Amino acid sequence: MKLLTHNMLTSHVKGVVNGYPLLIKATEVKVNEVDFNPQFVSRMIPKLEWSALVQAADDLGQREDLPGEPVPEYENNEEFLKKVHRVLLEVEVIEGFLQCPESGREFPISRGIPNMLLNDDEV
C-alpha cells in the first residue's frame, strides 16, 4: 500500500464519526524506485491531506526531509516534488495493519493490499 492510497482511506465502521486518518502499524515496509513524474505529483498535492501524509511518513520512519507543509510555488520546485514523489509513490507498506483512530478497529494489509471490508455488524 502506497502512502498515496493511505491518504485517501477512511474507516466506515458504524458509529464512527472521525475515521481519518488511519494509523499505520507496519511490520514490513519497502522502498521501490518509481519513475518520477513531476506533473502527476504536482497535481496530486492539492488533493492530499498534507498533515496525514507527513504523519504517515514519520510513523514509518520515512519522512526524511519532507517539510511540514507544501512549499510556495511547489509546481516549479523539482527538489520538493521529488521528496513528495518518494513518500507518495516509492514508500510501500507490504505487511501490517491500519487502525481506525476512533474505534480501534484494525484493517489488515497483506502483500501491499489493505482489506477495508467490514463485518455485517459494523455496517
PDB file of N, CA and C in Angstrom:
ATOM      1  N   MET A   1       0.837  -1.168   0.000  1.00  0.00           N
ATOM      2  CA  MET A   1       0.000   0.000   0.000  1.00  0.00           C
ATOM      3  C   MET A   1       0.889   1.241   0.000  1.00  0.00           C
ATOM      4  N   LYS A   2       0.726   2.031  -1.000  1.00  0.00           N
ATOM      5  CA  LYS A   2       1.493   3.274  -1.080  1.00  0.00           C
ATOM      6  C   LYS A   2       0.852   4.323  -0.170  1.00  0.00           C
ATOM      7  N   LEU A   3       1.621   5.313   0.226  1.00  0.00           N
ATOM      8  CA  LEU A   3       1.080   6.350   1.096  1.00  0.00           C
ATOM      9  C   LEU A   3       0.068   7.230   0.365  1.00  0.00           C
ATOM     10  N   LEU A   4       0.111   7.246  -0.949  1.00  0.00           N
ATOM     11  CA  LEU A   4      -0.933   7.935  -1.714  1.00  0.00           C
ATOM     12  C   LEU A   4      -2.282   7.279  -1.430  1.00  0.00           C
ATOM     13  N   THR A   5      -2.321   5.955  -1.435  1.00  0.00           N
ATOM     14  CA  THR A   5      -3.551   5.218  -1.131  1.00  0.00           C
ATOM     15  C   THR A   5      -3.973   5.471   0.308  1.00  0.00           C
ATOM     16  N   HIS A   6      -3.044   5.368   1.231  1.00  0.00           N
ATOM     17  CA  HIS A   6      -3.349   5.588   2.646  1.00  0.00           C
ATOM     18  C   HIS A   6      -4.003   6.942   2.864  1.00  0.00           C
ATOM     19  N   ASN A   7      -3.539   7.945   2.159  1.00  0.00           N
ATOM     20  CA  ASN A   7      -4.036   9.307   2.355  1.00  0.00           C
ATOM     21  C   ASN A   7      -5.508   9.439   2.000  1.00  0.00           C
ATOM     22  N   MET A   8      -6.026   8.497   1.240  1.00  0.00           N
ATOM     23  CA  MET A   8      -7.417   8.593   0.787  1.00  0.00           C
ATOM     24  C   MET A   8      -8.348   7.588   1.468  1.00  0.00           C
ATOM     25  N   LEU A   9      -7.820   6.753   2.345  1.00  0.00           N
ATOM     26  CA  LEU A   9      -8.644   5.747   3.020  1.00  0.00           C
ATOM     27  C   LEU A   9      -9.185   6.281   4.347  1.00  0.00           C
ATOM     28  N   THR A  10     -10.395   5.845   4.686  1.00  0.00           N
ATOM     29  CA  THR A  10     -11.011   6.201   5.956  1.00  0.00           C
ATOM     30  C   THR A  10     -11.805   5.016   6.484  1.00  0.00           C
ATOM     31  N   SER A  11     -12.068   4.999   7.763  1.00  0.00           N
ATOM     32  CA  SER A  11     -12.858   3.930   8.387  1.00  0.00           C
ATOM     33  C   SER A  11     -14.335   4.278   8.291  1.00  0.00           C
ATOM     34  N   HIS A  12     -15.124   3.301   7.837  1.00  0.00           N
ATOM     35  CA  HIS A  12     -16.569   3.498   7.731  1.00  0.00           C
ATOM     36  C   HIS A  12     -17.324   2.582   8.684  1.00  0.00           C
ATOM     37  N   VAL A  13     -16.694   2.225   9.796  1.00  0.00           N
ATOM     38  CA  VAL A  13     -17.351   1.390  10.799  1.00  0.00           C
ATOM     39  C   VAL A  13     -18.545   2.163  11.356  1.00  0.00           C
ATOM     40  N   LYS A  14     -19.671   1.437  11.540  1.00  0.00           N
ATOM     41  CA  LYS A  14     -20.896   2.056  12.053  1.00  0.00           C
ATOM     42  C   LYS A  14     -20.611   2.805  13.356  1.00  0.00           C
ATOM     43  N   GLY A  15     -21.092   4.032  13.431  1.00  0.00           N
ATOM     44  CA  GLY A  15     -20.934   4.837  14.634  1.00  0.00           C
ATOM     45  C   GLY A  15     -19.682   5.680  14.666  1.00  0.00           C
ATOM     46  N   VAL A  16     -18.764   5.433  13.759  1.00  0.00           N
ATOM     47  CA  VAL A  16     -17.516   6.206  13.738  1.00  0.00           C
ATOM     48  C   VAL A  16     -17.765   7.552  13.056  1.00  0.00           C
ATOM     49  N   VAL A  17     -17.412   8.621  13.752  1.00  0.00           N
ATOM     50  CA  VAL A  17     -17.578   9.971  13.220  1.00  0.00           C
ATOM     51  C   VAL A  17     -16.285  10.451  12.574  1.00  0.00           C
ATOM     52  N   ASN A  18     -15.162  10.132  13.211  1.00  0.00           N
ATOM     53  CA  ASN A  18     -13.864  10.581  12.715  1.00  0.00           C
ATOM     54  C   ASN A  18     -12.956   9.373  12.479  1.00  0.00           C
ATOM     55  N   GLY A  19     -13.071   8.773  11.291  1.00  0.00           N
ATOM     56  CA  GLY A  19     -12.276   7.597  10.970  1.00  0.00           C
ATOM     57  C   GLY A  19     -11.058   7.906  10.136  1.00  0.00           C
ATOM     58  N   TYR A  20     -10.556   9.139  10.222  1.00  0.00           N
ATOM     59  CA  TYR A  20      -9.434   9.567   9.386  1.00  0.00           C
ATOM     60  C   TYR A  20      -8.511  10.454  10.195  1.00  0.00           C
ATOM     61  N   PRO A  21      -7.230  10.359  10.003  1.00  0.00           N
ATOM     62  CA  PRO A  21      -6.505   9.390   9.193  1.00  0.00           C
ATOM     63  C   PRO A  21      -6.319   8.079   9.944  1.00  0.00           C
ATOM     64  N   LEU A  22      -6.250   7.016   9.194  1.00  0.00           N
ATOM     65  CA  LEU A  22      -5.994   5.705   9.777  1.00  0.00           C
ATOM     66  C   LEU A  22      -4.538   5.640  10.236  1.00  0.00           C
ATOM     67  N   LEU A  23      -4.320   5.025  11.379  1.00  0.00           N
ATOM     68  CA  LEU A  23      -2.964   4.848  11.886  1.00  0.00           C
ATOM     69  C   LEU A  23      -2.333   3.657  11.180  1.00  0.00           C
ATOM     70  N   ILE A  24      -1.069   3.762  10.854  1.00  0.00           N
ATOM     71  CA  ILE A  24      -0.359   2.671  10.188  1.00  0.00           C
ATOM     72  C   ILE A  24       0.515   1.944  11.194  1.00  0.00           C
ATOM     73  N   LYS A  25       0.321   0.636  11.262  1.00  0.00           N
ATOM     74  CA  LYS A  25       1.178  -0.234  12.084  1.00  0.00           C
ATOM     75  C   LYS A  25       1.800  -1.237  11.119  1.00  0.00           C
ATOM     76  N   ALA A  26       2.986  -0.933  10.636  1.00  0.00           N
ATOM     77  CA  ALA A  26       3.623  -1.748   9.596  1.00  0.00           C
ATOM     78  C   ALA A  26       4.607  -2.741  10.199  1.00  0.00           C
ATOM     79  N   THR A  27       4.589  -3.950   9.641  1.00  0.00           N
ATOM     80  CA  THR A  27       5.591  -4.944  10.020  1.00  0.00           C
ATOM     81  C   THR A  27       6.618  -5.131   8.899  1.00  0.00           C
ATOM     82  N   GLU A  28       6.253  -4.691   7.683  1.00  0.00           N
ATOM     83  CA  GLU A  28       7.190  -4.741   6.559  1.00  0.00           C
ATOM     84  C   GLU A  28       6.942  -3.541   5.647  1.00  0.00           C
ATOM     85  N   VAL A  29       7.995  -2.785   5.404  1.00  0.00           N
ATOM     86  CA  VAL A  29       7.939  -1.609   4.522  1.00  0.00           C
ATOM     87  C   VAL A  29       9.065  -1.731   3.512  1.00  0.00           C
ATOM     88  N   LYS A  30       8.768  -1.427   2.270  1.00  0.00           N
ATOM     89  CA  LYS A  30       9.796  -1.420   1.226  1.00  0.00           C
ATOM     90  C   LYS A  30       9.777  -0.063   0.534  1.00  0.00           C
ATOM     91  N   VAL A  31      10.929   0.304   0.009  1.00  0.00           N
ATOM     92  CA  VAL A  31      11.036   1.498  -0.817  1.00  0.00           C
ATOM     93  C   VAL A  31      11.472   1.020  -2.193  1.00  0.00           C
ATOM     94  N   ASN A  32      10.601   1.214  -3.164  1.00  0.00           N
ATOM     95  CA  ASN A  32      10.859   0.778  -4.540  1.00  0.00           C
ATOM     96  C   ASN A  32      10.936   2.004  -5.440  1.00  0.00           C
ATOM     97  N   GLU A  33      11.957   2.062  -6.263  1.00  0.00           N
ATOM     98  CA  GLU A  33      12.111   3.192  -7.173  1.00  0.00           C
ATOM     99  C   GLU A  33      10.996   3.179  -8.216  1.00  0.00           C
ATOM    100  N   VAL A  34      10.388   4.344  -8.418  1.00  0.00           N
ATOM    101  CA  VAL A  34       9.323   4.539  -9.392  1.00  0.00           C
ATOM    102  C   VAL A  34       9.720   5.738 -10.249  1.00  0.00           C
ATOM    103  N   ASP A  35       9.445   5.675 -11.553  1.00  0.00           N
ATOM    104  CA  ASP A  35       9.770   6.795 -12.440  1.00  0.00           C
ATOM    105  C   ASP A  35       9.135   8.084 -11.919  1.00  0.00           C
ATOM    106  N   PHE A  36       9.912   9.140 -11.911  1.00  0.00           N
ATOM    107  CA  PHE A  36       9.465  10.446 -11.424  1.00  0.00           C
ATOM    108  C   PHE A  36       8.629  11.145 -12.478  1.00  0.00           C
ATOM    109  N   ASN A  37       7.420  11.557 -12.090  1.00  0.00           N
ATOM    110  CA  ASN A  37       6.522  12.287 -12.969  1.00  0.00           C
ATOM    111  C   ASN A  37       6.102  13.569 -12.241  1.00  0.00           C
ATOM    112  N   PRO A  38       6.821  14.672 -12.476  1.00  0.00           N
ATOM    113  CA  PRO A  38       6.546  15.898 -11.717  1.00  0.00           C
ATOM    114  C   PRO A  38       5.128  16.435 -11.924  1.00  0.00           C
ATOM    115  N   GLN A  39       4.574  16.261 -13.115  1.00  0.00           N
ATOM    116  CA  GLN A  39       3.212  16.757 -13.362  1.00  0.00           C
ATOM    117  C   GLN A  39       2.199  16.006 -12.499  1.00  0.00           C
ATOM    118  N   PHE A  40       2.338  14.690 -12.421  1.00  0.00           N
ATOM    119  CA  PHE A  40       1.423  13.904 -11.602  1.00  0.00           C
ATOM    120  C   PHE A  40       1.511  14.326 -10.138  1.00  0.00           C
ATOM    121  N   VAL A  41       2.728  14.420  -9.626  1.00  0.00           N
ATOM    122  CA  VAL A  41       2.917  14.774  -8.218  1.00  0.00           C
ATOM    123  C   VAL A  41       2.347  16.155  -7.935  1.00  0.00           C
ATOM    124  N   SER A  42       2.625  17.130  -8.792  1.00  0.00           N
ATOM    125  CA  SER A  42       2.127  18.485  -8.529  1.00  0.00           C
ATOM    126  C   SER A  42       0.607  18.555  -8.606  1.00  0.00           C
ATOM    127  N   ARG A  43      -0.014  17.708  -9.426  1.00  0.00           N
ATOM    128  CA  ARG A  43      -1.485  17.678  -9.489  1.00  0.00           C
ATOM    129  C   ARG A  43      -2.097  16.986  -8.279  1.00  0.00           C
ATOM    130  N   MET A  44      -1.362  16.081  -7.671  1.00  0.00           N
ATOM    131  CA  MET A  44      -1.883  15.357  -6.504  1.00  0.00           C
ATOM    132  C   MET A  44      -1.794  16.173  -5.215  1.00  0.00           C
ATOM    133  N   ILE A  45      -0.839  17.045  -5.094  1.00  0.00           N
ATOM    134  CA  ILE A  45      -0.607  17.772  -3.844  1.00  0.00           C
ATOM    135  C   ILE A  45      -1.868  18.479  -3.328  1.00  0.00           C
ATOM    136  N   PRO A  46      -2.639  19.189  -4.156  1.00  0.00           N
ATOM    137  CA  PRO A  46      -3.840  19.849  -3.609  1.00  0.00           C
ATOM    138  C   PRO A  46      -4.912  18.869  -3.133  1.00  0.00           C
ATOM    139  N   LYS A  47      -4.856  17.630  -3.577  1.00  0.00           N
ATOM    140  CA  LYS A  47      -5.857  16.627  -3.204  1.00  0.00           C
ATOM    141  C   LYS A  47      -5.495  15.910  -1.901  1.00  0.00           C
ATOM    142  N   LEU A  48      -4.284  16.111  -1.424  1.00  0.00           N
ATOM    143  CA  LEU A  48      -3.791  15.400  -0.248  1.00  0.00           C
ATOM    144  C   LEU A  48      -4.167  16.101   1.042  1.00  0.00           C
ATOM    145  N   GLU A  49      -4.335  15.295   2.082  1.00  0.00           N
ATOM    146  CA  GLU A  49      -4.390  15.829   3.437  1.00  0.00           C
ATOM    147  C   GLU A  49      -2.940  15.818   3.905  1.00  0.00           C
ATOM    148  N   TRP A  50      -2.285  16.972   3.793  1.00  0.00           N
ATOM    149  CA  TRP A  50      -0.842  17.049   3.971  1.00  0.00           C
ATOM    150  C   TRP A  50      -0.387  16.562   5.341  1.00  0.00           C
ATOM    151  N   SER A  51      -1.068  16.983   6.402  1.00  0.00           N
ATOM    152  CA  SER A  51      -0.634  16.588   7.746  1.00  0.00           C
ATOM    153  C   SER A  51      -0.708  15.070   7.927  1.00  0.00           C
ATOM    154  N   ALA A  52      -1.701  14.411   7.309  1.00  0.00           N
ATOM    155  CA  ALA A  52      -1.813  12.951   7.391  1.00  0.00           C
ATOM    156  C   ALA A  52      -0.653  12.283   6.648  1.00  0.00           C
ATOM    157  N   LEU A  53      -0.257  12.852   5.515  1.00  0.00           N
ATOM    158  CA  LEU A  53       0.873  12.313   4.752  1.00  0.00           C
ATOM    159  C   LEU A  53       2.163  12.413   5.556  1.00  0.00           C
ATOM    160  N   VAL A  54       2.398  13.561   6.142  1.00  0.00           N
ATOM    161  CA  VAL A  54       3.612  13.774   6.927  1.00  0.00           C
ATOM    162  C   VAL A  54       3.639  12.828   8.124  1.00  0.00           C
ATOM    163  N   GLN A  55       2.490  12.688   8.799  1.00  0.00           N
ATOM    164  CA  GLN A  55       2.426  11.802   9.963  1.00  0.00           C
ATOM    165  C   GLN A  55       2.667  10.345   9.566  1.00  0.00           C
ATOM    166  N   ALA A  56       2.075   9.911   8.458  1.00  0.00           N
ATOM    167  CA  ALA A  56       2.262   8.530   7.995  1.00  0.00           C
ATOM    168  C   ALA A  56       3.727   8.272   7.658  1.00  0.00           C
ATOM    169  N   ALA A  57       4.345   9.196   6.944  1.00  0.00           N
ATOM    170  CA  ALA A  57       5.763   9.042   6.590  1.00  0.00           C
ATOM    171  C   ALA A  57       6.625   9.002   7.855  1.00  0.00           C
ATOM    172  N   ASP A  58       6.296   9.843   8.812  1.00  0.00           N
ATOM    173  CA  ASP A  58       7.021   9.888  10.070  1.00  0.00           C
ATOM    174  C   ASP A  58       6.855   8.574  10.839  1.00  0.00           C
ATOM    175  N   ASP A  59       5.621   8.071  10.911  1.00  0.00           N
ATOM    176  CA  ASP A  59       5.355   6.819  11.627  1.00  0.00           C
ATOM    177  C   ASP A  59       6.131   5.647  11.034  1.00  0.00           C
ATOM    178  N   LEU A  60       6.375   5.695   9.726  1.00  0.00           N
ATOM    179  CA  LEU A  60       7.104   4.621   9.058  1.00  0.00           C
ATOM    180  C   LEU A  60       8.615   4.843   9.048  1.00  0.00           C
ATOM    181  N   GLY A  61       9.048   5.974   9.618  1.00  0.00           N
ATOM    182  CA  GLY A  61      10.473   6.289   9.612  1.00  0.00           C
ATOM    183  C   GLY A  61      10.979   6.675   8.233  1.00  0.00           C
ATOM    184  N   GLN A  62      10.077   7.203   7.388  1.00  0.00           N
ATOM    185  CA  GLN A  62      10.419   7.524   6.002  1.00  0.00           C
ATOM    186  C   GLN A  62      10.240   9.002   5.665  1.00  0.00           C
ATOM    187  N   ARG A  63      10.057   9.830   6.667  1.00  0.00           N
ATOM    188  CA  ARG A  63       9.799  11.251   6.387  1.00  0.00           C
ATOM    189  C   ARG A  63      11.018  11.949   5.791  1.00  0.00           C
ATOM    190  N   GLU A  64      12.186  11.595   6.271  1.00  0.00           N
ATOM    191  CA  GLU A  64      13.439  12.237   5.861  1.00  0.00           C
ATOM    192  C   GLU A  64      13.293  13.754   5.958  1.00  0.00           C
ATOM    193  N   ASP A  65      13.398  14.491   4.864  1.00  0.00           N
ATOM    194  CA  ASP A  65      13.320  15.949   4.950  1.00  0.00           C
ATOM    195  C   ASP A  65      12.062  16.499   4.276  1.00  0.00           C
ATOM    196  N   LEU A  66      10.980  15.725   4.302  1.00  0.00           N
ATOM    197  CA  LEU A  66       9.698  16.213   3.792  1.00  0.00           C
ATOM    198  C   LEU A  66       9.204  17.314   4.728  1.00  0.00           C
ATOM    199  N   PRO A  67       8.940  18.511   4.198  1.00  0.00           N
ATOM    200  CA  PRO A  67       8.534  19.620   5.072  1.00  0.00           C
ATOM    201  C   PRO A  67       7.127  19.431   5.643  1.00  0.00           C
ATOM    202  N   GLY A  68       6.842  20.150   6.721  1.00  0.00           N
ATOM    203  CA  GLY A  68       5.558  20.073   7.401  1.00  0.00           C
ATOM    204  C   GLY A  68       4.399  20.623   6.611  1.00  0.00           C
ATOM    205  N   GLU A  69       4.694  21.353   5.558  1.00  0.00           N
ATOM    206  CA  GLU A  69       3.644  21.872   4.670  1.00  0.00           C
ATOM    207  C   GLU A  69       4.228  22.082   3.278  1.00  0.00           C
ATOM    208  N   PRO A  70       3.376  22.083   2.249  1.00  0.00           N
ATOM    209  CA  PRO A  70       3.902  22.301   0.889  1.00  0.00           C
ATOM    210  C   PRO A  70       4.600  23.662   0.778  1.00  0.00           C
ATOM    211  N   VAL A  71       5.656  23.689  -0.004  1.00  0.00           N
ATOM    212  CA  VAL A  71       6.395  24.945  -0.195  1.00  0.00           C
ATOM    213  C   VAL A  71       5.655  25.820  -1.202  1.00  0.00           C
ATOM    214  N   PRO A  72       5.825  27.132  -1.136  1.00  0.00           N
ATOM    215  CA  PRO A  72       5.189  28.014  -2.128  1.00  0.00           C
ATOM    216  C   PRO A  72       5.684  27.683  -3.540  1.00  0.00           C
ATOM    217  N   GLU A  73       4.797  27.800  -4.501  1.00  0.00           N
ATOM    218  CA  GLU A  73       5.113  27.550  -5.912  1.00  0.00           C
ATOM    219  C   GLU A  73       5.789  26.191  -6.108  1.00  0.00           C
ATOM    220  N   TYR A  74       5.255  25.173  -5.436  1.00  0.00           N
ATOM    221  CA  TYR A  74       5.842  23.832  -5.498  1.00  0.00           C
ATOM    222  C   TYR A  74       5.850  23.251  -6.905  1.00  0.00           C
ATOM    223  N   GLU A  75       4.957  23.722  -7.764  1.00  0.00           N
ATOM    224  CA  GLU A  75       4.880  23.189  -9.130  1.00  0.00           C
ATOM    225  C   GLU A  75       6.202  23.335  -9.876  1.00  0.00           C
ATOM    226  N   ASN A  76       6.983  24.358  -9.511  1.00  0.00           N
ATOM    227  CA  ASN A  76       8.250  24.635 -10.189  1.00  0.00           C
ATOM    228  C   ASN A  76       9.468  24.225  -9.358  1.00  0.00           C
ATOM    229  N   ASN A  77       9.237  23.516  -8.267  1.00  0.00           N
ATOM    230  CA  ASN A  77      10.321  23.152  -7.359  1.00  0.00           C
ATOM    231  C   ASN A  77      10.568  21.646  -7.465  1.00  0.00           C
ATOM    232  N   GLU A  78      11.473  21.262  -8.367  1.00  0.00           N
ATOM    233  CA  GLU A  78      11.710  19.843  -8.631  1.00  0.00           C
ATOM    234  C   GLU A  78      12.230  19.104  -7.404  1.00  0.00           C
ATOM    235  N   GLU A  79      13.060  19.741  -6.616  1.00  0.00           N
ATOM    236  CA  GLU A  79      13.596  19.097  -5.413  1.00  0.00           C
ATOM    237  C   GLU A  79      12.461  18.731  -4.447  1.00  0.00           C
ATOM    238  N   PHE A  80      11.543  19.661  -4.228  1.00  0.00           N
ATOM    239  CA  PHE A  80      10.390  19.391  -3.359  1.00  0.00           C
ATOM    240  C   PHE A  80       9.508  18.294  -3.952  1.00  0.00           C
ATOM    241  N   LEU A  81       9.228  18.371  -5.252  1.00  0.00           N
ATOM    242  CA  LEU A  81       8.379  17.371  -5.898  1.00  0.00           C
ATOM    243  C   LEU A  81       8.988  15.976  -5.803  1.00  0.00           C
ATOM    244  N   LYS A  82      10.306  15.878  -5.872  1.00  0.00           N
ATOM    245  CA  LYS A  82      10.962  14.570  -5.736  1.00  0.00           C
ATOM    246  C   LYS A  82      10.802  14.013  -4.320  1.00  0.00           C
ATOM    247  N   LYS A  83      10.845  14.883  -3.317  1.00  0.00           N
ATOM    248  CA  LYS A  83      10.636  14.443  -1.936  1.00  0.00           C
ATOM    249  C   LYS A  83       9.211  13.905  -1.763  1.00  0.00           C
ATOM    250  N   VAL A  84       8.245  14.626  -2.324  1.00  0.00           N
ATOM    251  CA  VAL A  84       6.847  14.201  -2.234  1.00  0.00           C
ATOM    252  C   VAL A  84       6.653  12.902  -3.015  1.00  0.00           C
ATOM    253  N   HIS A  85       7.237  12.835  -4.208  1.00  0.00           N
ATOM    254  CA  HIS A  85       7.155  11.636  -5.039  1.00  0.00           C
ATOM    255  C   HIS A  85       7.646  10.411  -4.271  1.00  0.00           C
ATOM    256  N   ARG A  86       8.778  10.551  -3.613  1.00  0.00           N
ATOM    257  CA  ARG A  86       9.346   9.423  -2.868  1.00  0.00           C
ATOM    258  C   ARG A  86       8.374   8.926  -1.811  1.00  0.00           C
ATOM    259  N   VAL A  87       7.818   9.842  -1.015  1.00  0.00           N
ATOM    260  CA  VAL A  87       6.921   9.447   0.069  1.00  0.00           C
ATOM    261  C   VAL A  87       5.599   8.894  -0.485  1.00  0.00           C
ATOM    262  N   LEU A  88       5.047   9.532  -1.487  1.00  0.00           N
ATOM    263  CA  LEU A  88       3.748   9.109  -2.035  1.00  0.00           C
ATOM    264  C   LEU A  88       3.803   7.796  -2.795  1.00  0.00           C
ATOM    265  N   LEU A  89       4.844   7.618  -3.605  1.00  0.00           N
ATOM    266  CA  LEU A  89       4.838   6.535  -4.578  1.00  0.00           C
ATOM    267  C   LEU A  89       5.915   5.472  -4.403  1.00  0.00           C
ATOM    268  N   GLU A  90       6.962   5.770  -3.668  1.00  0.00           N
ATOM    269  CA  GLU A  90       8.043   4.794  -3.534  1.00  0.00           C
ATOM    270  C   GLU A  90       8.012   4.039  -2.206  1.00  0.00           C
ATOM    271  N   VAL A  91       7.500   4.678  -1.160  1.00  0.00           N
ATOM    272  CA  VAL A  91       7.376   4.012   0.140  1.00  0.00           C
ATOM    273  C   VAL A  91       6.112   3.153   0.094  1.00  0.00           C
ATOM    274  N   GLU A  92       6.261   1.867   0.421  1.00  0.00           N
ATOM    275  CA  GLU A  92       5.117   0.957   0.339  1.00  0.00           C
ATOM    276  C   GLU A  92       5.063   0.042   1.562  1.00  0.00           C
ATOM    277  N   VAL A  93       3.884   0.016   2.180  1.00  0.00           N
ATOM    278  CA  VAL A  93       3.659  -0.896   3.299  1.00  0.00           C
ATOM    279  C   VAL A  93       3.258  -2.238   2.698  1.00  0.00           C
ATOM    280  N   ILE A  94       4.051  -3.262   2.968  1.00  0.00           N
ATOM    281  CA  ILE A  94       3.802  -4.598   2.424  1.00  0.00           C
ATOM    282  C   ILE A  94       2.929  -5.405   3.381  1.00  0.00           C
ATOM    283  N   GLU A  95       3.254  -5.373   4.656  1.00  0.00           N
ATOM    284  CA  GLU A  95       2.512  -6.127   5.674  1.00  0.00           C
ATOM    285  C   GLU A  95       2.281  -5.232   6.888  1.00  0.00           C
ATOM    286  N   GLY A  96       1.155  -5.453   7.545  1.00  0.00           N
ATOM    287  CA  GLY A  96       0.824  -4.704   8.752  1.00  0.00           C
ATOM    288  C   GLY A  96      -0.664  -4.519   8.857  1.00  0.00           C
ATOM    289  N   PHE A  97      -1.070  -3.404   9.445  1.00  0.00           N
ATOM    290  CA  PHE A  97      -2.493  -3.100   9.504  1.00  0.00           C
ATOM    291  C   PHE A  97      -2.710  -1.609   9.649  1.00  0.00           C
ATOM    292  N   LEU A  98      -3.929  -1.199   9.313  1.00  0.00           N
ATOM    293  CA  LEU A  98      -4.384   0.174   9.508  1.00  0.00           C
ATOM    294  C   LEU A  98      -5.341   0.147  10.690  1.00  0.00           C
ATOM    295  N   GLN A  99      -5.303   1.173  11.508  1.00  0.00           N
ATOM    296  CA  GLN A  99      -6.168   1.203  12.681  1.00  0.00           C
ATOM    297  C   GLN A  99      -7.023   2.456  12.673  1.00  0.00           C
ATOM    298  N   CYS A 100      -8.332   2.255  12.888  1.00  0.00           N
ATOM    299  CA  CYS A 100      -9.264   3.383  12.975  1.00  0.00           C
ATOM    300  C   CYS A 100      -8.905   4.200  14.210  1.00  0.00           C
ATOM    301  N   PRO A 101      -8.750   5.515  14.070  1.00  0.00           N
ATOM    302  CA  PRO A 101      -8.355   6.331  15.217  1.00  0.00           C
ATOM    303  C   PRO A 101      -9.446   6.444  16.271  1.00  0.00           C
ATOM    304  N   GLU A 102     -10.685   6.196  15.893  1.00  0.00           N
ATOM    305  CA  GLU A 102     -11.793   6.331  16.840  1.00  0.00           C
ATOM    306  C   GLU A 102     -12.193   4.997  17.477  1.00  0.00           C
ATOM    307  N   SER A 103     -12.408   3.979  16.649  1.00  0.00           N
ATOM    308  CA  SER A 103     -12.909   2.700  17.169  1.00  0.00           C
ATOM    309  C   SER A 103     -11.796   1.723  17.535  1.00  0.00           C
ATOM    310  N   GLY A 104     -10.611   1.915  16.980  1.00  0.00           N
ATOM    311  CA  GLY A 104      -9.518   0.983  17.206  1.00  0.00           C
ATOM    312  C   GLY A 104      -9.568  -0.237  16.290  1.00  0.00           C
ATOM    313  N   ARG A 105     -10.579  -0.322  15.456  1.00  0.00           N
ATOM    314  CA  ARG A 105     -10.739  -1.447  14.511  1.00  0.00           C
ATOM    315  C   ARG A 105      -9.500  -1.525  13.637  1.00  0.00           C
ATOM    316  N   GLU A 106      -8.979  -2.739  13.458  1.00  0.00           N
ATOM    317  CA  GLU A 106      -7.789  -2.936  12.640  1.00  0.00           C
ATOM    318  C   GLU A 106      -8.169  -3.533  11.294  1.00  0.00           C
ATOM    319  N   PHE A 107      -7.569  -2.999  10.246  1.00  0.00           N
ATOM    320  CA  PHE A 107      -7.754  -3.469   8.878  1.00  0.00           C
ATOM    321  C   PHE A 107      -6.410  -4.014   8.404  1.00  0.00           C
ATOM    322  N   PRO A 108      -6.338  -5.295   8.065  1.00  0.00           N
ATOM    323  CA  PRO A 108      -5.047  -5.881   7.694  1.00  0.00           C
ATOM    324  C   PRO A 108      -4.523  -5.393   6.345  1.00  0.00           C
ATOM    325  N   ILE A 109      -3.212  -5.344   6.248  1.00  0.00           N
ATOM    326  CA  ILE A 109      -2.528  -5.083   4.977  1.00  0.00           C
ATOM    327  C   ILE A 109      -1.732  -6.350   4.684  1.00  0.00           C
ATOM    328  N   SER A 110      -2.018  -6.972   3.569  1.00  0.00           N
ATOM    329  CA  SER A 110      -1.336  -8.208   3.199  1.00  0.00           C
ATOM    330  C   SER A 110      -0.836  -8.103   1.765  1.00  0.00           C
ATOM    331  N   ARG A 111       0.455  -8.347   1.568  1.00  0.00           N
ATOM    332  CA  ARG A 111       1.088  -8.240   0.248  1.00  0.00           C
ATOM    333  C   ARG A 111       0.804  -6.875  -0.398  1.00  0.00           C
ATOM    334  N   GLY A 112       0.765  -5.838   0.443  1.00  0.00           N
ATOM    335  CA  GLY A 112       0.597  -4.475  -0.051  1.00  0.00           C
ATOM    336  C   GLY A 112      -0.831  -4.050  -0.291  1.00  0.00           C
ATOM    337  N   ILE A 113      -1.806  -4.902   0.048  1.00  0.00           N
ATOM    338  CA  ILE A 113      -3.210  -4.590  -0.219  1.00  0.00           C
ATOM    339  C   ILE A 113      -3.971  -4.451   1.096  1.00  0.00           C
ATOM    340  N   PRO A 114      -4.531  -3.263   1.365  1.00  0.00           N
ATOM    341  CA  PRO A 114      -5.326  -3.104   2.581  1.00  0.00           C
ATOM    342  C   PRO A 114      -6.717  -3.719   2.391  1.00  0.00           C
ATOM    343  N   ASN A 115      -7.184  -4.458   3.391  1.00  0.00           N
ATOM    344  CA  ASN A 115      -8.520  -5.050   3.358  1.00  0.00           C
ATOM    345  C   ASN A 115      -9.423  -4.196   4.235  1.00  0.00           C
ATOM    346  N   MET A 116     -10.270  -3.397   3.597  1.00  0.00           N
ATOM    347  CA  MET A 116     -11.143  -2.462   4.306  1.00  0.00           C
ATOM    348  C   MET A 116     -12.571  -2.998   4.445  1.00  0.00           C
ATOM    349  N   LEU A 117     -12.772  -4.271   4.134  1.00  0.00           N
ATOM    350  CA  LEU A 117     -14.107  -4.855   4.234  1.00  0.00           C
ATOM    351  C   LEU A 117     -14.564  -4.883   5.684  1.00  0.00           C
ATOM    352  N   LEU A 118     -15.846  -4.573   5.886  1.00  0.00           N
ATOM    353  CA  LEU A 118     -16.430  -4.556   7.224  1.00  0.00           C
ATOM    354  C   LEU A 118     -17.230  -5.833   7.464  1.00  0.00           C
ATOM    355  N   ASN A 119     -17.319  -6.218   8.725  1.00  0.00           N
ATOM    356  CA  ASN A 119     -18.185  -7.324   9.120  1.00  0.00           C
ATOM    357  C   ASN A 119     -19.636  -6.830   9.094  1.00  0.00           C
ATOM    358  N   ASP A 120     -20.585  -7.756   9.010  1.00  0.00           N
ATOM    359  CA  ASP A 120     -22.008  -7.376   8.943  1.00  0.00           C
ATOM    360  C   ASP A 120     -22.422  -6.469  10.096  1.00  0.00           C
ATOM    361  N   ASP A 121     -21.920  -6.725  11.279  1.00  0.00           N
ATOM    362  CA  ASP A 121     -22.317  -5.922  12.441  1.00  0.00           C
ATOM    363  C   ASP A 121     -21.650  -4.540  12.484  1.00  0.00           C
ATOM    364  N   GLU A 122     -20.744  -4.264  11.552  1.00  0.00           N
ATOM    365  CA  GLU A 122     -20.047  -2.974  11.514  1.00  0.00           C
ATOM    366  C   GLU A 122     -20.623  -2.023  10.475  1.00  0.00           C
ATOM    367  N   VAL A 123     -21.580  -2.512   9.707  1.00  0.00           N
ATOM    368  CA  VAL A 123     -22.141  -1.710   8.613  1.00  0.00           C
ATOM    369  C   VAL A 123     -23.322  -0.914   9.108  1.00  0.00           C
TER     370      VAL A 123
END
